[in-house]
């Protein structure tokens, strides 16, 4: 039974991540603070930088 508990314990702890992201999203959208963007804005900006940035060593 302890092996099953260990297997189930790891995914059971992952529920915290979406809850934290949701609270962060709602709080930062309510504050509208320029230095604390919501995670959705950060992810879009990160994606843009990742896929459109110049390759390392090219400039």
N, C-alpha and C. Protein backbone atom coordinates (compact mmCIF):
# COMPACT_ATOMS: atom_id res chain seq x y z
N UNK A 1 0.82 -1.20 0.00
CA UNK A 1 0.00 0.00 0.00
C UNK A 1 0.86 1.26 0.00
N UNK A 2 2.03 1.21 0.58
CA UNK A 2 2.86 2.41 0.61
C UNK A 2 3.38 2.76 -0.78
N UNK A 3 3.62 1.77 -1.63
CA UNK A 3 4.07 2.05 -2.99
C UNK A 3 2.97 2.78 -3.76
N UNK A 4 1.73 2.34 -3.60
CA UNK A 4 0.62 3.01 -4.25
C UNK A 4 0.45 4.43 -3.74
N UNK A 5 0.63 4.60 -2.46
CA UNK A 5 0.54 5.94 -1.88
C UNK A 5 1.61 6.86 -2.45
N UNK A 6 2.82 6.35 -2.60
CA UNK A 6 3.90 7.16 -3.17
C UNK A 6 3.60 7.54 -4.61
N UNK A 7 3.05 6.60 -5.37
CA UNK A 7 2.72 6.87 -6.77
C UNK A 7 1.62 7.93 -6.86
N UNK A 8 0.64 7.87 -6.00
CA UNK A 8 -0.46 8.81 -6.03
C UNK A 8 -0.14 10.14 -5.36
N UNK A 9 0.84 10.19 -4.50
CA UNK A 9 1.16 11.41 -3.76
C UNK A 9 1.73 12.49 -4.66
N UNK A 10 2.54 12.12 -5.62
CA UNK A 10 3.16 13.12 -6.49
C UNK A 10 2.13 13.87 -7.33
N UNK A 11 1.24 13.20 -8.05
CA UNK A 11 0.22 13.96 -8.80
C UNK A 11 -0.75 14.72 -7.90
N UNK A 12 -0.96 14.20 -6.71
CA UNK A 12 -1.88 14.86 -5.79
C UNK A 12 -1.34 16.23 -5.37
N UNK A 13 -0.04 16.38 -5.33
CA UNK A 13 0.55 17.67 -4.96
C UNK A 13 0.53 18.67 -6.10
N UNK A 14 0.33 18.22 -7.32
CA UNK A 14 0.39 19.12 -8.48
C UNK A 14 -0.81 20.05 -8.59
N UNK A 15 -1.86 19.82 -7.84
CA UNK A 15 -3.02 20.71 -7.89
C UNK A 15 -2.68 22.11 -7.42
N UNK A 16 -1.61 22.23 -6.65
CA UNK A 16 -1.21 23.53 -6.11
C UNK A 16 -0.77 24.48 -7.23
N UNK A 17 -0.09 23.96 -8.24
CA UNK A 17 0.46 24.80 -9.31
C UNK A 17 -0.64 25.57 -10.05
N UNK A 18 -1.69 24.93 -10.57
CA UNK A 18 -2.72 25.73 -11.25
C UNK A 18 -3.46 26.69 -10.33
N UNK A 19 -3.62 26.32 -9.07
CA UNK A 19 -4.28 27.22 -8.12
C UNK A 19 -3.44 28.48 -7.92
N UNK A 20 -2.14 28.31 -7.73
CA UNK A 20 -1.25 29.46 -7.55
C UNK A 20 -1.25 30.34 -8.80
N UNK A 21 -1.19 29.72 -9.98
CA UNK A 21 -1.22 30.49 -11.22
C UNK A 21 -2.54 31.25 -11.39
N UNK A 22 -3.63 30.63 -11.01
CA UNK A 22 -4.93 31.30 -11.11
C UNK A 22 -5.01 32.49 -10.17
N UNK A 23 -4.57 32.31 -8.94
CA UNK A 23 -4.58 33.41 -7.97
C UNK A 23 -3.66 34.53 -8.44
N UNK A 24 -2.48 34.19 -8.94
CA UNK A 24 -1.54 35.18 -9.46
C UNK A 24 -2.18 35.95 -10.62
N UNK A 25 -2.81 35.24 -11.54
CA UNK A 25 -3.46 35.87 -12.69
C UNK A 25 -4.54 36.84 -12.24
N UNK A 26 -5.42 36.39 -11.36
CA UNK A 26 -6.52 37.24 -10.91
C UNK A 26 -6.02 38.45 -10.12
N UNK A 27 -5.05 38.24 -9.26
CA UNK A 27 -4.54 39.34 -8.43
C UNK A 27 -3.83 40.39 -9.28
N UNK A 28 -3.01 39.96 -10.22
CA UNK A 28 -2.27 40.94 -11.01
C UNK A 28 -3.17 41.66 -12.01
N UNK A 29 -4.19 40.97 -12.50
CA UNK A 29 -5.15 41.66 -13.38
C UNK A 29 -5.96 42.69 -12.59
N UNK A 30 -6.28 42.40 -11.35
CA UNK A 30 -7.02 43.34 -10.52
C UNK A 30 -6.17 44.55 -10.15
N UNK A 31 -4.87 44.33 -9.90
CA UNK A 31 -3.97 45.42 -9.51
C UNK A 31 -3.59 46.30 -10.69
N UNK A 32 -3.42 45.71 -11.87
CA UNK A 32 -2.96 46.42 -13.07
C UNK A 32 -1.66 47.17 -12.81
N UNK A 33 -0.75 46.52 -12.12
CA UNK A 33 0.55 47.10 -11.81
C UNK A 33 1.52 46.83 -12.96
N UNK A 34 2.23 47.85 -13.45
CA UNK A 34 3.10 47.65 -14.62
C UNK A 34 4.30 46.74 -14.36
N UNK A 35 4.72 46.60 -13.11
CA UNK A 35 5.89 45.80 -12.80
C UNK A 35 5.57 44.36 -12.43
N UNK A 36 4.29 44.02 -12.30
CA UNK A 36 3.87 42.67 -11.97
C UNK A 36 2.82 42.20 -12.98
N UNK A 37 3.25 41.79 -14.18
CA UNK A 37 2.28 41.36 -15.19
C UNK A 37 1.68 40.00 -14.84
N UNK A 38 0.52 39.72 -15.38
CA UNK A 38 -0.09 38.40 -15.17
C UNK A 38 0.72 37.31 -15.88
N UNK A 39 0.62 36.08 -15.41
CA UNK A 39 1.36 34.99 -16.04
C UNK A 39 1.03 34.82 -17.52
N UNK A 40 -0.21 35.10 -17.92
CA UNK A 40 -0.56 34.96 -19.33
C UNK A 40 0.23 35.92 -20.21
N UNK A 41 0.47 37.12 -19.73
CA UNK A 41 1.26 38.09 -20.48
C UNK A 41 2.73 37.65 -20.53
N UNK A 42 3.22 37.13 -19.42
CA UNK A 42 4.61 36.67 -19.36
C UNK A 42 4.83 35.52 -20.33
N UNK A 43 3.89 34.59 -20.40
CA UNK A 43 4.04 33.42 -21.28
C UNK A 43 4.02 33.85 -22.74
N UNK A 44 3.13 34.77 -23.10
CA UNK A 44 3.08 35.26 -24.49
C UNK A 44 4.38 35.96 -24.85
N UNK A 45 4.87 36.80 -23.96
CA UNK A 45 6.13 37.51 -24.22
C UNK A 45 7.30 36.53 -24.30
N UNK A 46 7.32 35.54 -23.43
CA UNK A 46 8.38 34.54 -23.45
C UNK A 46 8.36 33.76 -24.76
N UNK A 47 7.17 33.39 -25.22
CA UNK A 47 7.04 32.68 -26.49
C UNK A 47 7.54 33.54 -27.65
N UNK A 48 7.18 34.81 -27.65
CA UNK A 48 7.64 35.71 -28.71
C UNK A 48 9.16 35.84 -28.71
N UNK A 49 9.74 35.98 -27.54
CA UNK A 49 11.20 36.08 -27.46
C UNK A 49 11.87 34.78 -27.88
N UNK A 50 11.28 33.67 -27.50
CA UNK A 50 11.88 32.36 -27.78
C UNK A 50 11.90 32.07 -29.27
N UNK A 51 10.78 32.35 -29.95
CA UNK A 51 10.67 31.96 -31.35
C UNK A 51 11.02 33.05 -32.34
N UNK A 52 11.14 34.30 -31.91
CA UNK A 52 11.46 35.35 -32.87
C UNK A 52 12.79 36.03 -32.56
N UNK A 53 13.41 35.69 -31.47
CA UNK A 53 14.69 36.31 -31.12
C UNK A 53 15.80 35.85 -32.05
N UNK A 54 16.85 36.65 -32.12
CA UNK A 54 17.97 36.25 -32.98
C UNK A 54 18.73 35.10 -32.32
N UNK A 55 19.30 34.23 -33.13
CA UNK A 55 20.04 33.10 -32.57
C UNK A 55 21.30 33.57 -31.84
N UNK A 56 21.73 32.83 -30.83
CA UNK A 56 22.92 33.22 -30.09
C UNK A 56 24.14 33.24 -31.00
N UNK A 57 24.98 34.24 -30.79
CA UNK A 57 26.21 34.35 -31.55
C UNK A 57 26.04 34.99 -32.92
N UNK A 58 24.83 35.48 -33.23
CA UNK A 58 24.63 36.06 -34.55
C UNK A 58 24.84 37.56 -34.58
N UNK A 59 25.08 38.13 -33.44
CA UNK A 59 25.19 39.57 -33.51
C UNK A 59 26.00 40.11 -32.44
